[in-house]
Amino acid sequence: MPVLTIRRLDISDARLLIAGASDKAREIGVPMCIAITDESGQLIAFERMDGGKVTSTTIAIDKAFTAAAAKKATHEYGAASQPGSPAFGIHSAIGGRLMVVGGGLPVIIDGEVVGGIGISSGTPAQDLSCAEAGIAHFLATRG
């Protein structure tokens, strides 16, 4: 019988994701709040860079939660949650934790969502750019 191996993010993975995201944040000059969750959206690690907005702490965590638990990038919910769209009002789901602005991405290994990264403090485009950089660094480093 084949053995099924489920890949999960651990703290060393989370540190790689944070390193890549924070490097990008320094490059663009925007101190960020960076959250990493496991596949169920539970927090593994968090960093608020010096100067990161205090109000962005919860937003970053909720972006990572949404990306991992819903297995979808947060910006994809943005268009789908507008009035008249199929997911209108979804932002109020799960006690308001479901985020519909850019900056949250699922972390995918071999086609499986193994976690989420959420970034906040900049514009949605800046947050998304840092999340993408975090994932790129993680994938490049882990081999």
Protein backbone atom coordinates (compact mmCIF):
# COMPACT_ATOMS: atom_id res chain seq x y z
CA MET A 1 0.00 0.00 0.00
CA PRO A 2 1.46 3.43 -0.95
CA VAL A 3 2.44 5.77 1.85
CA LEU A 4 0.85 9.20 1.71
CA THR A 5 3.14 11.97 2.85
CA ILE A 6 1.46 15.23 3.74
CA ARG A 7 3.79 18.22 3.58
CA ARG A 8 3.26 20.82 6.30
CA LEU A 9 5.00 24.11 6.91
CA ASP A 10 7.16 24.28 10.01
CA ILE A 11 8.86 27.16 11.79
CA SER A 12 11.96 26.98 9.58
CA ASP A 13 9.74 27.21 6.49
CA ALA A 14 7.94 30.17 8.04
CA ARG A 15 11.25 31.91 8.66
CA LEU A 16 12.18 31.51 4.98
CA LEU A 17 8.85 32.95 3.87
CA ILE A 18 9.26 35.90 6.25
CA ALA A 19 12.85 36.50 5.12
CA GLY A 20 11.86 36.73 1.46
CA ALA A 21 8.90 38.99 2.19
CA SER A 22 10.84 41.29 4.50
CA ASP A 23 13.70 41.60 1.99
CA LYS A 24 11.17 42.79 -0.62
CA ALA A 25 9.57 45.14 1.91
CA ARG A 26 12.96 46.74 2.62
CA GLU A 27 13.62 46.99 -1.13
CA ILE A 28 10.38 48.93 -1.70
CA GLY A 29 10.77 50.92 1.53
CA VAL A 30 7.55 49.79 3.24
CA PRO A 31 7.83 48.08 6.65
CA MET A 32 5.32 45.24 6.68
CA CYS A 33 3.45 42.95 9.01
CA ILE A 34 4.03 39.37 7.84
CA ALA A 35 2.03 36.32 8.94
CA ILE A 36 2.55 32.66 8.09
CA THR A 37 -0.09 30.00 8.77
CA ASP A 38 -0.37 26.26 8.36
CA GLU A 39 -2.77 24.63 5.91
CA SER A 40 -5.74 25.17 8.23
CA GLY A 41 -5.00 28.86 8.71
CA GLN A 42 -3.48 28.57 12.19
CA LEU A 43 -0.62 30.98 12.87
CA ILE A 44 2.92 29.55 12.75
CA ALA A 45 4.94 32.79 12.79
CA PHE A 46 4.47 36.54 12.66
CA GLU A 47 6.77 39.53 12.27
CA ARG A 48 5.96 43.21 12.46
CA MET A 49 8.90 45.00 10.93
CA ASP A 50 10.03 48.16 12.68
CA GLY A 51 7.53 50.76 11.49
CA GLY A 52 4.90 48.24 10.40
CA LYS A 53 1.41 49.52 11.15
CA VAL A 54 -0.07 48.25 14.40
CA THR A 55 -3.48 48.02 12.72
CA SER A 56 -1.97 45.77 10.05
CA THR A 57 -1.12 43.02 12.54
CA THR A 58 -4.60 41.49 12.53
CA ILE A 59 -5.07 42.17 8.83
CA ALA A 60 -1.90 40.25 7.90
CA ILE A 61 -2.90 37.31 10.09
CA ASP A 62 -6.40 37.24 8.58
CA LYS A 63 -4.99 37.43 5.04
CA ALA A 64 -2.80 34.39 5.72
CA PHE A 65 -5.77 32.61 7.34
CA THR A 66 -7.98 33.28 4.33
CA ALA A 67 -5.36 32.22 1.78
CA ALA A 68 -4.63 28.93 3.54
CA ALA A 69 -8.05 27.91 4.83
CA ALA A 70 -9.99 28.98 1.72
CA LYS A 71 -7.12 27.89 -0.57
CA LYS A 72 -7.42 31.08 -2.56
CA ALA A 73 -5.54 34.36 -2.94
CA THR A 74 -7.27 37.16 -1.06
CA HIS A 75 -7.35 39.49 -4.07
CA GLU A 76 -9.42 36.89 -5.94
CA TYR A 77 -12.17 37.46 -3.40
CA GLY A 78 -12.06 41.21 -4.08
CA ALA A 79 -13.80 41.06 -7.45
CA ALA A 80 -16.06 38.17 -6.44
CA SER A 81 -17.32 40.00 -3.35
CA GLN A 82 -18.54 43.19 -5.04
CA PRO A 83 -22.28 44.02 -5.12
CA GLY A 84 -23.99 41.86 -7.72
CA SER A 85 -21.15 39.32 -7.76
CA PRO A 86 -21.58 35.72 -6.67
CA ALA A 87 -19.71 36.10 -3.37
CA PHE A 88 -21.13 39.49 -2.34
CA GLY A 89 -20.90 39.85 1.43
CA ILE A 90 -18.37 37.06 1.90
CA HIS A 91 -16.04 39.49 3.67
CA SER A 92 -18.32 39.25 6.70
CA ALA A 93 -18.00 35.45 6.83
CA ILE A 94 -16.17 33.67 9.62
CA GLY A 95 -16.59 36.54 12.04
CA GLY A 96 -15.17 39.02 9.54
CA ARG A 97 -11.88 37.15 9.19
CA LEU A 98 -12.25 36.46 5.47
CA MET A 99 -10.10 39.07 3.71
CA VAL A 100 -10.94 40.38 0.23
CA VAL A 101 -7.95 42.67 -0.42
CA GLY A 102 -4.61 41.72 -1.93
CA GLY A 103 -1.69 40.49 0.13
CA GLY A 104 -2.70 36.95 1.09
CA LEU A 105 -1.51 33.95 -0.90
CA PRO A 106 -1.72 30.22 -0.37
CA VAL A 107 1.63 28.45 -0.16
CA ILE A 108 1.47 25.55 -2.59
CA ILE A 109 3.85 22.59 -2.81
CA ASP A 110 3.30 19.88 -5.42
CA GLY A 111 -0.20 21.19 -6.09
CA GLU A 112 -1.22 21.06 -2.42
CA VAL A 113 -1.93 24.08 -0.19
CA VAL A 114 0.39 23.68 2.79
CA GLY A 115 -0.06 27.12 4.33
CA GLY A 116 -0.64 30.80 3.78
CA ILE A 117 1.28 34.06 3.80
CA GLY A 118 -0.40 37.35 4.63
CA ILE A 119 1.17 40.78 4.31
CA SER A 120 -0.17 44.18 5.36
CA SER A 121 0.98 47.80 5.81
CA GLY A 122 1.35 48.91 2.21
CA THR A 123 -1.06 49.17 -0.68
CA PRO A 124 -2.69 45.89 -1.75
CA ALA A 125 -0.26 45.74 -4.70
CA GLN A 126 2.76 46.26 -2.40
CA ASP A 127 1.45 43.67 0.05
CA LEU A 128 0.93 41.17 -2.78
CA SER A 129 4.40 41.85 -4.17
CA CYS A 130 5.97 41.05 -0.79
CA ALA A 131 3.88 37.89 -0.42
CA GLU A 132 5.00 36.73 -3.87
CA ALA A 133 8.63 37.47 -2.94
CA GLY A 134 8.27 35.47 0.26
CA ILE A 135 6.98 32.45 -1.61
CA ALA A 136 9.62 32.77 -4.35
CA HIS A 137 12.40 32.89 -1.74
CA PHE A 138 10.94 29.92 0.12
CA LEU A 139 10.62 27.78 -3.02
CA ALA A 140 14.10 28.74 -4.27
CA THR A 141 15.74 28.04 -0.92
CA ARG A 142 14.01 24.77 -0.06
CA GLY A 143 14.96 23.29 -3.42
